[in-house]
Protein backbone atom coordinates (compact mmCIF):
# COMPACT_ATOMS: atom_id res chain seq x y z
CA MET A 1 0.00 0.00 0.00
CA PHE A 2 1.39 3.43 -0.90
CA GLY A 3 1.55 6.50 1.30
CA ARG A 4 -0.70 5.04 4.00
CA ARG A 5 -0.91 7.23 7.05
CA SER A 6 -0.73 5.74 10.53
CA SER A 7 -4.35 6.31 11.51
CA THR A 8 -7.37 4.94 9.69
CA ALA A 9 -11.09 5.11 10.28
CA PRO A 10 -12.33 3.36 13.46
CA ALA A 11 -13.82 -0.07 13.06
CA SER A 12 -16.59 0.56 15.54
CA ALA A 13 -18.67 2.77 13.32
CA PRO A 14 -22.35 1.71 13.12
CA PRO A 15 -23.54 -0.03 9.96
CA VAL A 16 -24.64 2.35 7.21
CA ARG A 17 -26.89 1.48 4.30
CA ALA A 18 -26.20 3.64 1.25
CA ALA A 19 -29.62 3.94 -0.31
CA GLY A 20 -30.51 5.44 -3.64
CA LEU A 21 -27.51 4.08 -5.56
CA ALA A 22 -28.16 3.13 -9.14
CA PRO A 23 -27.21 -0.50 -9.89
CA LYS A 24 -23.88 -0.92 -11.69
CA GLU A 25 -25.44 -2.69 -14.62
CA ALA A 26 -27.64 0.35 -15.28
CA ILE A 27 -25.36 2.84 -16.92
CA PRO A 28 -25.84 6.56 -16.12
CA PRO A 29 -28.98 8.17 -17.59
CA VAL A 30 -27.41 9.98 -20.54
CA LEU A 31 -25.38 6.89 -21.44
CA GLN A 32 -28.45 4.66 -21.18
CA GLN A 33 -30.50 6.84 -23.52
CA GLU A 34 -27.81 6.81 -26.22
CA SER A 35 -27.12 3.09 -25.73
CA ALA A 36 -30.80 2.37 -26.24
CA ARG A 37 -30.71 4.36 -29.48
CA ALA A 38 -27.61 2.58 -30.74
CA ARG A 39 -28.96 -0.92 -29.93
CA PRO A 40 -32.76 -0.72 -30.12
CA GLU A 41 -34.68 -3.28 -28.04
CA PRO A 42 -36.95 -5.80 -29.79
CA PRO A 43 -40.54 -4.52 -30.00
CA SER A 44 -41.76 -7.22 -27.60
CA ARG A 45 -39.63 -5.92 -24.71
CA PRO A 46 -40.65 -2.77 -22.81
CA ALA A 47 -38.28 0.18 -22.99
CA PRO A 48 -36.06 0.45 -19.89
CA SER A 49 -37.02 3.15 -17.42
CA PRO A 50 -34.38 5.85 -16.94
CA PRO A 51 -32.40 5.46 -13.70
CA GLN A 52 -33.15 7.85 -10.87
CA PRO A 53 -30.68 10.54 -9.82
CA LYS A 54 -28.41 9.63 -6.94
CA SER A 55 -29.92 10.43 -3.56
CA GLU A 56 -28.66 12.81 -0.89
CA GLU A 57 -27.77 9.78 1.24
CA TYR A 58 -25.48 8.56 -1.53
CA PHE A 59 -23.61 11.87 -1.54
CA ARG A 60 -23.35 11.87 2.27
CA THR A 61 -21.92 8.32 2.21
CA LYS A 62 -19.52 9.19 -0.57
CA SER A 63 -18.39 12.37 1.21
CA MET A 64 -17.71 10.42 4.41
CA ILE A 65 -15.64 7.79 2.58
CA PHE A 66 -13.83 10.45 0.55
CA GLY A 67 -12.82 12.30 3.74
CA ALA A 68 -11.47 9.08 5.27
CA LEU A 69 -9.58 8.35 2.04
CA ILE A 70 -7.85 11.76 2.05
CA GLU A 71 -6.71 11.13 5.63
CA ALA A 72 -5.40 7.65 4.77
CA ILE A 73 -3.25 8.44 1.71
CA ASP A 74 -0.23 10.55 0.92
CA LEU A 75 -1.14 12.65 -2.13
CA ALA A 76 2.52 13.42 -2.87
CA GLN A 77 3.29 9.73 -3.31
CA LEU A 78 0.06 9.23 -5.25
CA ALA A 79 1.19 11.82 -7.79
CA ARG A 80 4.27 9.73 -8.60
CA LEU A 81 2.25 6.71 -9.72
CA ASP A 82 0.86 6.15 -13.20
CA GLY A 83 -2.90 6.44 -13.59
CA GLU A 84 -3.78 2.75 -13.59
CA THR A 85 -1.63 1.90 -10.56
CA ALA A 86 -2.98 4.88 -8.60
CA ARG A 87 -6.55 3.84 -9.41
CA GLU A 88 -5.95 0.29 -8.14
CA GLU A 89 -4.36 1.58 -4.93
CA ILE A 90 -7.28 3.94 -4.28
CA ARG A 91 -9.77 1.12 -4.88
CA ASP A 92 -7.95 -1.04 -2.32
CA ILE A 93 -7.99 1.67 0.32
CA VAL A 94 -11.64 2.59 -0.27
CA THR A 95 -12.64 -1.09 -0.05
CA GLU A 96 -10.85 -1.30 3.29
CA ILE A 97 -12.54 1.89 4.56
CA ILE A 98 -15.96 0.50 3.61
CA GLY A 99 -15.19 -2.62 5.65
CA LEU A 100 -13.88 -0.67 8.65
CA LYS A 101 -16.93 1.59 8.74
CA ASN A 102 -19.35 -1.35 8.30
CA ILE A 103 -21.08 0.30 5.33
CA VAL A 104 -23.50 -2.20 3.78
CA LEU A 105 -23.26 -2.13 -0.03
CA SER A 106 -24.06 -4.58 -2.77
CA ILE A 107 -21.26 -5.47 -5.17
CA ALA A 108 -22.77 -3.26 -7.88
CA GLU A 109 -23.21 -0.31 -5.51
CA GLN A 110 -19.67 -0.65 -4.21
CA GLU A 111 -18.26 -0.75 -7.76
CA GLU A 112 -20.10 2.42 -8.69
CA LEU A 113 -18.92 4.17 -5.55
CA LEU A 114 -15.33 3.07 -6.23
CA ASP A 115 -15.47 4.43 -9.78
CA ASP A 116 -16.91 7.75 -8.61
CA ILE A 117 -14.25 8.25 -5.96
CA CYS A 118 -11.41 7.30 -8.34
CA ASN A 119 -12.76 9.82 -10.85
CA ASP A 120 -12.88 12.49 -8.12
CA VAL A 121 -9.26 11.91 -7.06
CA LEU A 122 -7.59 11.20 -10.42
CA GLY A 123 -9.90 12.58 -13.10
CA TYR A 124 -12.67 15.11 -13.57
CA GLY A 125 -15.18 13.60 -11.18
CA PRO A 126 -18.77 13.32 -12.47
CA LEU A 127 -17.65 14.61 -15.87
CA GLU A 128 -15.63 11.46 -16.66
CA PRO A 129 -18.56 9.41 -18.13
CA LEU A 130 -19.54 12.37 -20.34
CA LEU A 131 -16.00 13.00 -21.57
CA ALA A 132 -15.66 9.31 -22.44
CA ARG A 133 -18.59 9.49 -24.87
CA ASP A 134 -17.66 10.38 -28.43
CA ASP A 135 -21.20 11.34 -29.47
CA ILE A 136 -21.35 14.37 -27.15
CA ALA A 137 -20.37 17.67 -28.78
CA ASP A 138 -20.67 19.99 -25.77
CA VAL A 139 -20.82 19.65 -21.99
CA MET A 140 -22.37 22.61 -20.16
CA VAL A 141 -22.24 22.70 -16.34
CA ASN A 142 -24.41 25.41 -14.75
CA GLY A 143 -23.44 25.10 -11.09
CA ALA A 144 -23.23 21.89 -9.09
CA ASP A 145 -26.78 20.65 -9.73
CA ARG A 146 -27.43 21.13 -13.46
CA THR A 147 -25.38 19.66 -16.30
CA PHE A 148 -26.46 19.75 -19.94
CA ILE A 149 -25.01 18.02 -23.00
CA GLU A 150 -25.43 18.46 -26.74
CA VAL A 151 -26.06 15.26 -28.70
CA GLY A 152 -27.01 15.31 -32.38
CA GLY A 153 -27.36 19.08 -32.34
CA LYS A 154 -29.90 19.03 -29.48
CA ILE A 155 -29.34 20.07 -25.86
CA GLN A 156 -30.36 17.61 -23.13
CA LEU A 157 -30.45 17.85 -19.34
CA THR A 158 -28.55 15.02 -17.60
CA ASN A 159 -28.71 13.56 -14.09
CA VAL A 160 -25.02 14.34 -13.54
CA ARG A 161 -24.43 16.52 -10.48
CA PHE A 162 -21.55 17.50 -8.25
CA ARG A 163 -21.31 17.20 -4.47
CA ASP A 164 -21.29 21.01 -4.17
CA ASN A 165 -19.93 24.08 -5.91
CA GLN A 166 -16.57 23.62 -4.19
CA GLN A 167 -16.08 20.21 -5.84
CA LEU A 168 -16.96 21.76 -9.21
CA MET A 169 -14.51 24.61 -8.58
CA ASN A 170 -11.76 22.14 -7.68
CA ILE A 171 -12.31 20.28 -10.97
CA CYS A 172 -12.19 23.58 -12.88
CA GLN A 173 -8.90 24.42 -11.15
CA ARG A 174 -7.51 20.99 -12.05
CA ILE A 175 -8.40 21.49 -15.73
CA VAL A 176 -6.96 24.99 -16.16
CA SER A 177 -3.82 24.31 -14.12
CA GLN A 178 -2.79 21.68 -16.69
CA VAL A 179 -2.14 24.47 -19.20
CA GLY A 180 -0.56 26.86 -16.70
CA ARG A 181 -3.63 28.99 -16.04
CA ARG A 182 -5.76 29.67 -13.00
CA VAL A 183 -9.33 30.60 -12.12
CA ASP A 184 -10.37 32.22 -8.84
CA GLU A 185 -12.11 35.34 -7.54
CA ALA A 186 -9.24 37.54 -8.71
CA SER A 187 -9.27 35.97 -12.19
CA PRO A 188 -12.78 34.54 -12.63
CA ILE A 189 -12.73 34.00 -16.42
CA CYS A 190 -10.40 31.47 -18.02
CA ASP A 191 -10.00 29.69 -21.36
CA ALA A 192 -8.15 26.39 -21.35
CA ARG A 193 -8.10 22.99 -23.05
CA LEU A 194 -8.14 19.33 -22.13
CA PRO A 195 -5.24 17.03 -23.12
CA ASP A 196 -7.24 15.84 -26.18
CA GLY A 197 -7.64 19.42 -27.43
CA SER A 198 -11.22 19.96 -26.24
CA ARG A 199 -11.89 23.65 -25.63
CA VAL A 200 -12.76 24.69 -22.05
CA ASN A 201 -14.22 27.92 -20.70
CA VAL A 202 -14.71 28.59 -16.98
CA ILE A 203 -16.43 31.56 -15.39
CA ALA A 204 -16.46 31.50 -11.61
CA PRO A 205 -18.18 33.48 -8.83
CA PRO A 206 -18.64 36.36 -8.23
CA LEU A 207 -19.30 36.78 -11.95
CA ALA A 208 -21.28 33.51 -12.15
CA ILE A 209 -24.01 34.04 -9.57
CA ASP A 210 -25.29 30.44 -9.22
CA GLY A 211 -21.91 28.74 -8.96
CA PRO A 212 -19.08 28.06 -11.43
CA ALA A 213 -20.14 27.67 -15.08
CA LEU A 214 -17.99 25.21 -17.04
CA THR A 215 -18.35 24.76 -20.81
CA ILE A 216 -16.44 22.08 -22.72
CA ARG A 217 -16.46 21.91 -26.53
CA LYS A 218 -15.44 18.28 -27.03
CA PHE A 219 -13.24 16.98 -29.79
CA LYS A 220 -13.98 13.64 -31.32
CA LYS A 221 -11.33 11.00 -30.80
CA ASP A 222 -11.41 10.24 -34.54
CA LYS A 223 -10.84 13.39 -36.56
CA LEU A 224 -13.60 14.04 -39.10
CA THR A 225 -12.73 14.00 -42.77
CA LEU A 226 -14.42 15.51 -45.83
CA ASP A 227 -15.66 12.03 -46.78
CA GLN A 228 -17.44 11.78 -43.44
CA LEU A 229 -18.95 15.24 -43.91
CA VAL A 230 -20.32 13.98 -47.24
CA ARG A 231 -21.87 10.97 -45.51
CA PHE A 232 -23.45 13.25 -42.91
CA GLY A 233 -24.91 15.43 -45.67
CA ALA A 234 -22.93 18.52 -44.66
CA ILE A 235 -21.61 18.86 -48.23
CA SER A 236 -22.22 17.12 -51.54
CA PRO A 237 -19.52 14.85 -53.07
CA GLU A 238 -18.90 17.43 -55.80
CA GLY A 239 -18.67 20.22 -53.23
CA ALA A 240 -16.19 18.17 -51.20
CA ARG A 241 -14.03 17.77 -54.28
CA ILE A 242 -14.09 21.54 -54.86
CA LEU A 243 -13.06 22.13 -51.22
CA GLN A 244 -10.26 19.61 -51.58
CA ILE A 245 -8.92 21.48 -54.62
CA ILE A 246 -9.23 24.83 -52.80
CA GLY A 247 -7.07 23.42 -50.01
CA LYS A 248 -4.51 21.97 -52.42
CA VAL A 249 -4.00 24.99 -54.68
CA ARG A 250 -3.22 27.34 -51.76
CA CYS A 251 -6.27 29.59 -51.90
CA ASN A 252 -6.55 32.01 -48.99
CA VAL A 253 -9.66 30.82 -47.15
CA VAL A 254 -11.91 32.34 -44.49
CA ILE A 255 -14.42 29.97 -42.88
CA SER A 256 -17.44 31.86 -41.64
CA GLY A 257 -20.28 30.68 -39.42
CA GLY A 258 -22.18 31.06 -36.18
CA THR A 259 -21.37 29.51 -32.82
CA GLY A 260 -21.38 25.70 -32.97
CA SER A 261 -21.70 25.62 -36.76
CA GLY A 262 -18.61 23.45 -37.22
CA LYS A 263 -16.03 26.04 -38.33
CA THR A 264 -13.09 24.45 -36.53
CA THR A 265 -14.07 20.97 -37.74
CA LEU A 266 -14.21 22.23 -41.33
CA LEU A 267 -10.85 23.97 -40.92
CA ASN A 268 -9.36 20.68 -39.73
CA CYS A 269 -10.77 18.94 -42.80
CA LEU A 270 -9.29 21.50 -45.19
CA THR A 271 -5.84 21.31 -43.61
CA ALA A 272 -5.73 17.59 -44.43
CA PHE A 273 -4.93 18.54 -48.06
CA ILE A 274 -1.85 20.60 -47.23
CA GLU A 275 1.31 18.99 -48.53
CA ASN A 276 3.61 17.36 -45.98
CA ASP A 277 6.64 19.44 -47.00
CA GLU A 278 4.98 22.77 -46.10
CA ARG A 279 5.81 24.63 -42.88
CA ILE A 280 2.56 25.47 -41.08
CA ILE A 281 2.18 27.79 -38.09
CA THR A 282 -1.10 27.87 -36.15
CA CYS A 283 -2.25 30.65 -33.80
CA GLU A 284 -5.09 29.98 -31.36
CA ASP A 285 -6.54 31.18 -28.08
CA ALA A 286 -6.79 27.55 -26.93
CA ALA A 287 -4.96 25.04 -29.12
CA GLU A 288 -7.68 22.96 -30.81
CA LEU A 289 -6.49 22.26 -34.33
CA GLN A 290 -5.37 18.70 -35.03
CA LEU A 291 -3.04 18.96 -38.00
CA GLN A 292 -1.44 15.73 -39.18
CA GLN A 293 1.46 17.20 -41.16
CA PRO A 294 4.99 16.65 -39.79
CA HIS A 295 6.09 20.31 -39.90
CA VAL A 296 3.63 22.19 -37.68
CA VAL A 297 4.39 24.90 -35.10
CA ARG A 298 1.52 25.49 -32.65
CA LEU A 299 1.24 28.86 -30.89
CA GLU A 300 -1.20 29.85 -28.15
CA THR A 301 -2.12 33.18 -26.59
CA ARG A 302 -1.46 33.90 -22.91
CA PRO A 303 -3.61 35.93 -20.47
CA PRO A 304 -2.05 38.53 -18.16
CA ASN A 305 -0.73 37.53 -14.74
CA LEU A 306 -1.93 38.86 -11.36
CA GLU A 307 -0.05 42.12 -11.91
CA GLY A 308 -1.62 42.54 -15.34
CA GLN A 309 1.66 41.82 -17.10
CA GLY A 310 2.81 39.20 -19.59
CA GLN A 311 -0.24 39.07 -21.85
CA VAL A 312 0.39 37.75 -25.36
CA THR A 313 -2.46 38.54 -27.76
CA MET A 314 -3.48 36.90 -31.00
CA ARG A 315 -2.11 39.89 -32.86
CA ASP A 316 1.30 39.39 -31.23
CA LEU A 317 1.32 35.77 -32.40
CA VAL A 318 0.28 36.56 -35.98
CA LYS A 319 2.91 39.30 -36.25
CA ASN A 320 5.57 36.97 -34.88
CA CYS A 321 4.56 34.28 -37.40
CA LEU A 322 5.88 36.46 -40.19
CA ARG A 323 9.39 36.13 -38.70
CA MET A 324 9.21 32.33 -38.52
CA ARG A 325 9.45 31.56 -42.24
CA PRO A 326 5.89 30.15 -42.53
CA GLU A 327 4.43 28.82 -45.74
CA ARG A 328 0.92 28.78 -44.35
CA ILE A 329 -0.49 30.66 -41.37
CA ILE A 330 -3.66 29.27 -39.81
CA VAL A 331 -5.55 31.36 -37.26
CA GLY A 332 -8.01 29.36 -35.17
CA GLU A 333 -10.41 32.26 -34.76
CA VAL A 334 -10.15 35.89 -35.88
CA ARG A 335 -11.83 38.12 -33.30
CA GLY A 336 -10.15 41.51 -33.47
CA PRO A 337 -7.40 43.62 -35.01
CA GLU A 338 -5.32 40.53 -35.81
CA ALA A 339 -7.52 40.43 -38.95
CA PHE A 340 -5.28 43.19 -40.35
CA ASP A 341 -2.10 41.17 -39.77
CA LEU A 342 -3.69 38.01 -41.24
CA LEU A 343 -4.62 39.94 -44.41
CA GLN A 344 -1.08 41.29 -44.58
CA ALA A 345 0.26 37.72 -44.33
CA MET A 346 -2.11 36.49 -47.04
CA ASN A 347 -0.95 39.31 -49.29
CA THR A 348 2.80 38.90 -48.76
CA GLY A 349 3.56 35.45 -50.11
CA HIS A 350 1.89 33.21 -47.53
CA ASP A 351 -0.66 31.77 -49.93
CA GLY A 352 -2.98 29.12 -48.54
CA SER A 353 -3.43 30.81 -45.17
CA MET A 354 -6.73 30.13 -43.41
CA GLY A 355 -8.82 31.40 -40.53
CA THR A 356 -12.32 31.31 -39.07
CA LEU A 357 -14.61 34.07 -37.83
CA HIS A 358 -18.18 34.53 -36.65
CA ALA A 359 -20.59 35.75 -39.32
CA ASN A 360 -23.94 34.63 -40.71
CA SER A 361 -23.25 35.02 -44.43
CA PRO A 362 -20.31 35.61 -46.79
CA ARG A 363 -21.34 39.24 -47.27
CA GLU A 364 -21.51 39.75 -43.50
CA CYS A 365 -18.11 38.03 -43.20
CA LEU A 366 -16.51 40.72 -45.38
CA ALA A 367 -18.15 43.47 -43.33
CA ARG A 368 -16.92 41.83 -40.10
CA ILE A 369 -13.33 41.75 -41.36
CA GLU A 370 -13.55 45.44 -42.18
CA SER A 371 -15.07 46.35 -38.81
CA MET A 372 -12.51 44.28 -36.85
CA ILE A 373 -9.65 46.12 -38.57
CA THR A 374 -11.32 49.45 -37.81
CA MET A 375 -11.72 48.44 -34.14
CA GLY A 376 -7.95 48.01 -33.97
CA GLY A 377 -7.47 51.74 -34.46
CA PHE A 378 -6.33 51.63 -38.09
CA SER A 379 -7.37 54.93 -39.68
CA LEU A 380 -7.45 53.67 -43.25
CA PRO A 381 -10.07 54.74 -45.78
CA SER A 382 -12.89 52.26 -46.25
CA ARG A 383 -11.99 51.72 -49.91
CA THR A 384 -8.38 50.93 -49.00
CA LEU A 385 -9.53 48.32 -46.49
CA ARG A 386 -11.83 46.70 -49.03
CA GLU A 387 -9.10 46.61 -51.65
CA MET A 388 -6.86 44.90 -49.09
CA ILE A 389 -9.60 42.33 -48.39
CA THR A 390 -10.20 41.56 -52.07
CA GLY A 391 -6.46 41.27 -52.69
CA SER A 392 -6.03 38.83 -49.80
CA VAL A 393 -9.10 36.60 -49.43
CA ASP A 394 -9.85 34.19 -52.27
CA VAL A 395 -12.69 32.02 -50.93
CA ILE A 396 -15.26 32.26 -48.13
CA ILE A 397 -16.82 29.01 -46.92
CA GLN A 398 -20.02 29.51 -44.94
CA ALA A 399 -21.05 26.90 -42.35
CA MET A 400 -24.41 26.90 -40.61
CA ARG A 401 -26.10 25.01 -37.83
CA MET A 402 -29.66 24.38 -39.03
CA ARG A 403 -32.75 24.53 -36.82
CA ASP A 404 -32.93 20.71 -36.63
CA GLY A 405 -29.41 20.60 -35.15
CA SER A 406 -27.66 19.43 -38.33
CA ARG A 407 -24.67 21.30 -39.73
CA ARG A 408 -24.36 22.23 -43.39
CA ILE A 409 -21.92 24.07 -45.63
CA THR A 410 -24.30 26.58 -47.20
CA HIS A 411 -21.99 28.68 -49.42
CA ILE A 412 -18.72 28.32 -51.27
CA THR A 413 -18.15 31.91 -52.36
CA GLU A 414 -15.32 33.59 -54.27
CA VAL A 415 -14.19 37.17 -53.65
CA MET A 416 -13.93 38.63 -57.16
CA GLY A 417 -12.79 42.23 -56.77
CA MET A 418 -14.19 45.75 -56.52
CA GLU A 419 -16.79 47.67 -58.49
CA GLY A 420 -16.67 51.22 -57.23
CA ASP A 421 -16.66 50.92 -53.44
CA VAL A 422 -18.46 47.56 -53.35
CA ILE A 423 -16.77 44.15 -53.00
CA ILE A 424 -18.05 41.74 -55.64
CA THR A 425 -18.54 38.07 -54.71
CA GLN A 426 -19.51 35.01 -56.74
CA ASP A 427 -21.21 31.90 -55.33
CA LEU A 428 -19.96 28.55 -56.65
CA LEU A 429 -22.15 26.28 -54.53
CA LEU A 430 -25.26 26.94 -52.44
CA TYR A 431 -27.45 24.86 -50.12
CA ASP A 432 -31.22 25.03 -50.55
CA VAL A 433 -33.69 23.84 -47.91
CA LEU A 434 -36.53 22.00 -49.66
CA GLY A 435 -38.66 20.96 -46.67
CA GLU A 436 -38.61 18.58 -43.75
CA ASP A 437 -39.43 14.92 -43.15
CA ALA A 438 -41.89 13.38 -40.69
CA ASN A 439 -39.27 13.50 -37.91
CA GLY A 440 -38.65 17.23 -38.31
CA ARG A 441 -35.28 16.77 -40.06
CA LEU A 442 -34.61 19.28 -42.80
CA ILE A 443 -34.39 18.07 -46.39
CA GLY A 444 -32.17 20.02 -48.73
CA ARG A 445 -29.59 19.83 -51.51
CA HIS A 446 -26.40 21.47 -52.61
CA ARG A 447 -26.62 23.06 -56.03
CA SER A 448 -24.13 24.60 -58.41
CA THR A 449 -24.72 28.15 -59.56
CA GLY A 450 -23.46 27.20 -63.00
CA ILE A 451 -20.09 28.96 -62.75
CA GLY A 452 -17.77 26.97 -65.01
CA ARG A 453 -14.57 28.98 -64.60
CA PRO A 454 -13.97 30.36 -61.11
CA ARG A 455 -11.48 33.08 -60.35
CA PHE A 456 -8.94 30.61 -58.94
CA TRP A 457 -8.91 28.64 -62.19
CA GLU A 458 -5.42 29.86 -63.13
CA ARG A 459 -4.16 28.92 -59.67
CA ALA A 460 -5.64 25.43 -60.16
CA ARG A 461 -3.89 25.19 -63.53
CA TYR A 462 -0.58 26.23 -61.94
CA TYR A 463 -0.89 23.32 -59.49
CA GLY A 464 -2.11 20.86 -62.13
CA GLU A 465 -5.65 20.63 -60.74
CA GLU A 466 -7.63 22.35 -63.51
CA ARG A 467 -8.95 19.06 -64.95
CA ALA A 468 -10.14 17.88 -61.51
CA LEU A 469 -11.74 21.29 -60.87
CA ALA A 470 -13.55 21.24 -64.22
CA GLU A 471 -14.87 17.73 -63.57
CA ALA A 472 -16.10 18.71 -60.09
CA LEU A 473 -17.87 21.83 -61.39
CA ASP A 474 -19.44 19.89 -64.28
CA ALA A 475 -20.61 17.15 -61.92
CA ALA A 476 -22.16 19.71 -59.57
CA ALA A 477 -23.99 21.38 -62.49
CA ALA A 478 -25.17 18.00 -63.80
CA THR A 479 -26.57 17.09 -60.37
CA VAL A 480 -28.74 20.20 -60.42
CA GLU A 481 -30.00 19.44 -63.95
CA ASP A 482 -30.90 15.89 -63.00
CA ALA A 483 -32.78 16.94 -59.87
CA PRO A 484 -36.59 16.88 -60.14
């Protein structure tokens, strides 16, 4: 046994019956609902009833055992063990504490209690079952008693709860400390990431009135590809081929969309077509991108310290990129005056640079770029800014989260140039909503606008992709003609 302290819990404690525990064979509520969907029961069998939330008595029993465990172990020695060994040691000690305190538990109840306590000590507590599921896109914790998840584009309330707000705050501290950040009353807002790249935001009291609010944007263990987006209906096969060519021929791309529309996922898909011999530098607030190329430099912003010093902004990173001999610069999300530096990079030999920003249409995307540069204090005439945008951005890809929860690429739009003081754009591919089915799912199709020779045609010819581009555009136009 490791790190055992000399005193343990007394053996004369009266028997305790931990009531209200869900049986081990009944997986937690959110897991059970999805499991039932994945493996539907035969019609003859009744649907299983959802398990009840854990009772207050369960949390009191768990808190008592947890306190005895903390007194019985040496956390410094625990930190030196690998995860699996530490988990086995904790299980042994907790089993012994249960025996010493004469707590009456069934095998299933004891197993569930052991798992919960191991997750509290070594992992992220009640969040562990949710983080293990690959079908969950977002986890939203609104204080200790209410946890929501997003599955299939829809938000659901779960039965997951924390012992109290202090336990939730401790888990938030554990998450952000892994990336050298902190969250407390002096610094109540923090962006961080999990080891798998999932994005984390924490806002703590006194700003969050009802307890800490934790939001996790989960990353799938298996990175999505354009082929998978085609299977999901997010883009047509012809549209996917056009996107693949756009990525290959080093077009400067801005991916536009609302919150949760899949911008980062789409950016990951496009980067898959970057050649392995290119030097790529990424700039992000919280490192999310999962590039597979061998020559990638990942940069991340840094918040100020307690004295308000040491902050490194996105603009600092983008400006520094230009001194690092990049071939492509990829900005995870453009939010402010770094838009000016990204346009400068796109216009000074770093073809194929990419970024994402929040906007609801390609036209609004262009206006947002202009307004973000203006917010940075640049006193340039409006026409000069627009000329800079048209000289830098080649393609805008618009992503949208539809009202049924599905995500679609709704526009592939070229930036053509200027007519007077107006930026001219040209749509290559659009998504039309045609109706909805009996289950409320939207029915739609991607259609070509009939453009046979886009502006980046010469660039495609330079990279030997003009034949593939022509075939993709012809196939997209033929699909529209064949449609009823």
